[in-house]
Amino acid sequence: MKKIVVPIAVLTAVALIMIFSLRTEQDGGLSLAMLQAEAAESGKALVVQFSSDGCITCRKMKPALEKVESEGADRYSVKVVDVDVNSGIAIELGITAVPVQLFISGEGEIIKRHLGYLSYKDFTDIFSEHSI
């Protein structure tokens, strides 16, 4: 029995090391400070949608997000961040479910954070509320 347990334990340890090292290599290295700097450098607000490929709600929001992006290009930028690829920023921001939207002012300050579905009207209401 011991002869079987030791190789299984070794193989399990090797597999875990490989999985975690691949995940680290995949991480896009994106941080909140980088997003804030991006907004501050452009002088325009930044809308960040945190999502993942497997998120059905994120896919349902795509048309509204595209419309928002095309209509407000002079006032704000839109960035979609895949939390599966950029796990570091998801951990940094405590994101445990998606979609999450982060609204950053042109000065680089976080204006609003929202978890869940937003319609086109919801986006425009937030823009009006915060003078974006």
Protein backbone atom coordinates (compact mmCIF):
# COMPACT_ATOMS: atom_id res chain seq x y z
CA MET A 1 0.00 0.00 0.00
CA LYS A 2 2.83 2.42 0.88
CA LYS A 3 4.42 1.75 -2.49
CA ILE A 4 1.31 3.16 -4.21
CA VAL A 5 0.68 6.13 -1.89
CA VAL A 6 4.13 7.71 -2.27
CA PRO A 7 4.09 7.90 -6.10
CA ILE A 8 0.53 9.23 -6.07
CA ALA A 9 1.49 11.93 -3.56
CA VAL A 10 4.53 12.90 -5.65
CA LEU A 11 2.49 13.06 -8.86
CA THR A 12 -0.18 15.15 -7.13
CA ALA A 13 2.44 17.59 -5.84
CA VAL A 14 4.03 17.91 -9.29
CA ALA A 15 0.63 18.47 -10.91
CA LEU A 16 -0.25 21.21 -8.39
CA ILE A 17 3.09 22.95 -8.93
CA MET A 18 2.56 22.89 -12.69
CA ILE A 19 -1.00 24.23 -12.42
CA PHE A 20 -0.02 27.13 -10.18
CA SER A 21 3.05 28.03 -12.21
CA LEU A 22 0.97 28.16 -15.39
CA ARG A 23 -1.58 30.38 -13.71
CA THR A 24 1.14 32.83 -12.64
CA GLU A 25 2.56 32.96 -16.17
CA GLN A 26 -0.90 33.66 -17.60
CA ASP A 27 -1.54 36.58 -15.25
CA GLY A 28 -1.62 39.75 -17.33
CA GLY A 29 0.04 41.72 -14.55
CA LEU A 30 -2.69 44.37 -14.58
CA SER A 31 -3.20 46.36 -11.36
CA LEU A 32 -5.59 48.98 -10.05
CA ALA A 33 -2.76 51.52 -10.04
CA MET A 34 -2.22 50.87 -13.76
CA LEU A 35 -5.91 51.45 -14.52
CA GLN A 36 -5.95 54.63 -12.44
CA ALA A 37 -2.82 55.88 -14.21
CA GLU A 38 -4.37 55.10 -17.60
CA ALA A 39 -7.43 57.22 -16.74
CA ALA A 40 -5.33 60.06 -15.30
CA GLU A 41 -2.98 60.14 -18.30
CA SER A 42 -5.85 60.31 -20.79
CA GLY A 43 -7.84 62.78 -18.70
CA LYS A 44 -10.95 60.75 -19.57
CA ALA A 45 -12.99 58.54 -17.29
CA LEU A 46 -12.42 54.81 -17.60
CA VAL A 47 -15.14 52.18 -17.37
CA VAL A 48 -13.68 48.77 -16.58
CA GLN A 49 -15.81 45.67 -16.97
CA PHE A 50 -14.38 42.63 -15.18
CA SER A 51 -15.71 39.48 -16.81
CA SER A 52 -14.84 35.98 -17.96
CA ASP A 53 -15.54 33.88 -21.03
CA GLY A 54 -17.87 31.60 -19.09
CA CYS A 55 -20.01 34.44 -17.71
CA ILE A 56 -23.46 34.41 -19.33
CA THR A 57 -24.43 37.78 -17.82
CA CYS A 58 -21.23 39.30 -19.21
CA ARG A 59 -22.15 38.07 -22.69
CA LYS A 60 -25.66 39.52 -22.33
CA MET A 61 -24.15 42.90 -21.44
CA LYS A 62 -21.85 43.01 -24.47
CA PRO A 63 -24.25 44.95 -26.80
CA ALA A 64 -24.93 47.60 -24.14
CA LEU A 65 -21.22 47.93 -23.39
CA GLU A 66 -20.38 48.28 -27.09
CA LYS A 67 -23.06 50.97 -27.50
CA VAL A 68 -21.79 52.83 -24.45
CA GLU A 69 -18.23 52.62 -25.79
CA SER A 70 -19.11 53.94 -29.25
CA GLU A 71 -21.26 56.82 -27.98
CA GLY A 72 -18.92 58.20 -25.35
CA ALA A 73 -15.46 57.88 -26.86
CA ASP A 74 -14.82 61.61 -26.34
CA ARG A 75 -15.65 61.47 -22.59
CA TYR A 76 -14.54 58.02 -21.44
CA SER A 77 -12.82 54.80 -22.44
CA VAL A 78 -14.13 51.29 -21.92
CA LYS A 79 -11.88 48.38 -21.03
CA VAL A 80 -12.92 44.75 -20.59
CA VAL A 81 -10.69 42.72 -18.28
CA ASP A 82 -10.88 38.93 -18.27
CA VAL A 83 -10.42 37.85 -14.65
CA ASP A 84 -9.27 34.40 -15.75
CA VAL A 85 -6.29 35.95 -17.54
CA ASN A 86 -5.78 38.81 -15.06
CA SER A 87 -6.32 36.97 -11.79
CA GLY A 88 -3.96 39.27 -9.89
CA ILE A 89 -6.18 42.34 -10.20
CA ALA A 90 -9.26 40.26 -9.39
CA ILE A 91 -7.58 39.22 -6.14
CA GLU A 92 -6.37 42.78 -5.49
CA LEU A 93 -9.93 44.13 -5.84
CA GLY A 94 -11.60 41.23 -4.04
CA ILE A 95 -13.62 40.25 -7.10
CA THR A 96 -15.20 36.87 -6.45
CA ALA A 97 -18.05 37.06 -8.98
CA VAL A 98 -18.51 38.75 -12.34
CA PRO A 99 -19.52 40.99 -13.95
CA VAL A 100 -18.10 43.86 -11.93
CA GLN A 101 -17.90 47.38 -13.31
CA LEU A 102 -15.43 49.92 -12.00
CA PHE A 103 -15.84 53.58 -12.92
CA ILE A 104 -12.63 55.62 -12.64
CA SER A 105 -12.59 59.41 -13.07
CA GLY A 106 -10.27 61.26 -15.43
CA GLU A 107 -8.23 62.12 -12.32
CA GLY A 108 -7.73 58.43 -11.57
CA GLU A 109 -10.14 58.15 -8.62
CA ILE A 110 -12.65 55.34 -8.25
CA ILE A 111 -16.11 56.86 -8.64
CA LYS A 112 -18.28 53.76 -8.43
CA ARG A 113 -18.09 49.98 -8.24
CA HIS A 114 -21.01 47.78 -9.26
CA LEU A 115 -21.57 44.02 -9.19
CA GLY A 116 -23.99 42.51 -11.68
CA TYR A 117 -25.86 43.32 -14.85
CA LEU A 118 -26.04 46.88 -16.16
CA SER A 119 -28.24 47.87 -19.08
CA TYR A 120 -27.44 50.71 -21.47
CA LYS A 121 -29.79 52.95 -19.44
CA ASP A 122 -28.06 51.95 -16.20
CA PHE A 123 -24.72 53.01 -17.68
CA THR A 124 -26.08 56.36 -18.90
CA ASP A 125 -27.72 56.98 -15.51
CA ILE A 126 -24.37 56.41 -13.78
CA PHE A 127 -22.66 58.75 -16.26
CA SER A 128 -25.26 61.45 -15.55
CA GLU A 129 -25.09 60.94 -11.79
CA HIS A 130 -21.31 61.38 -11.80
CA SER A 131 -21.10 64.01 -14.58
CA ILE A 132 -19.12 61.78 -16.91
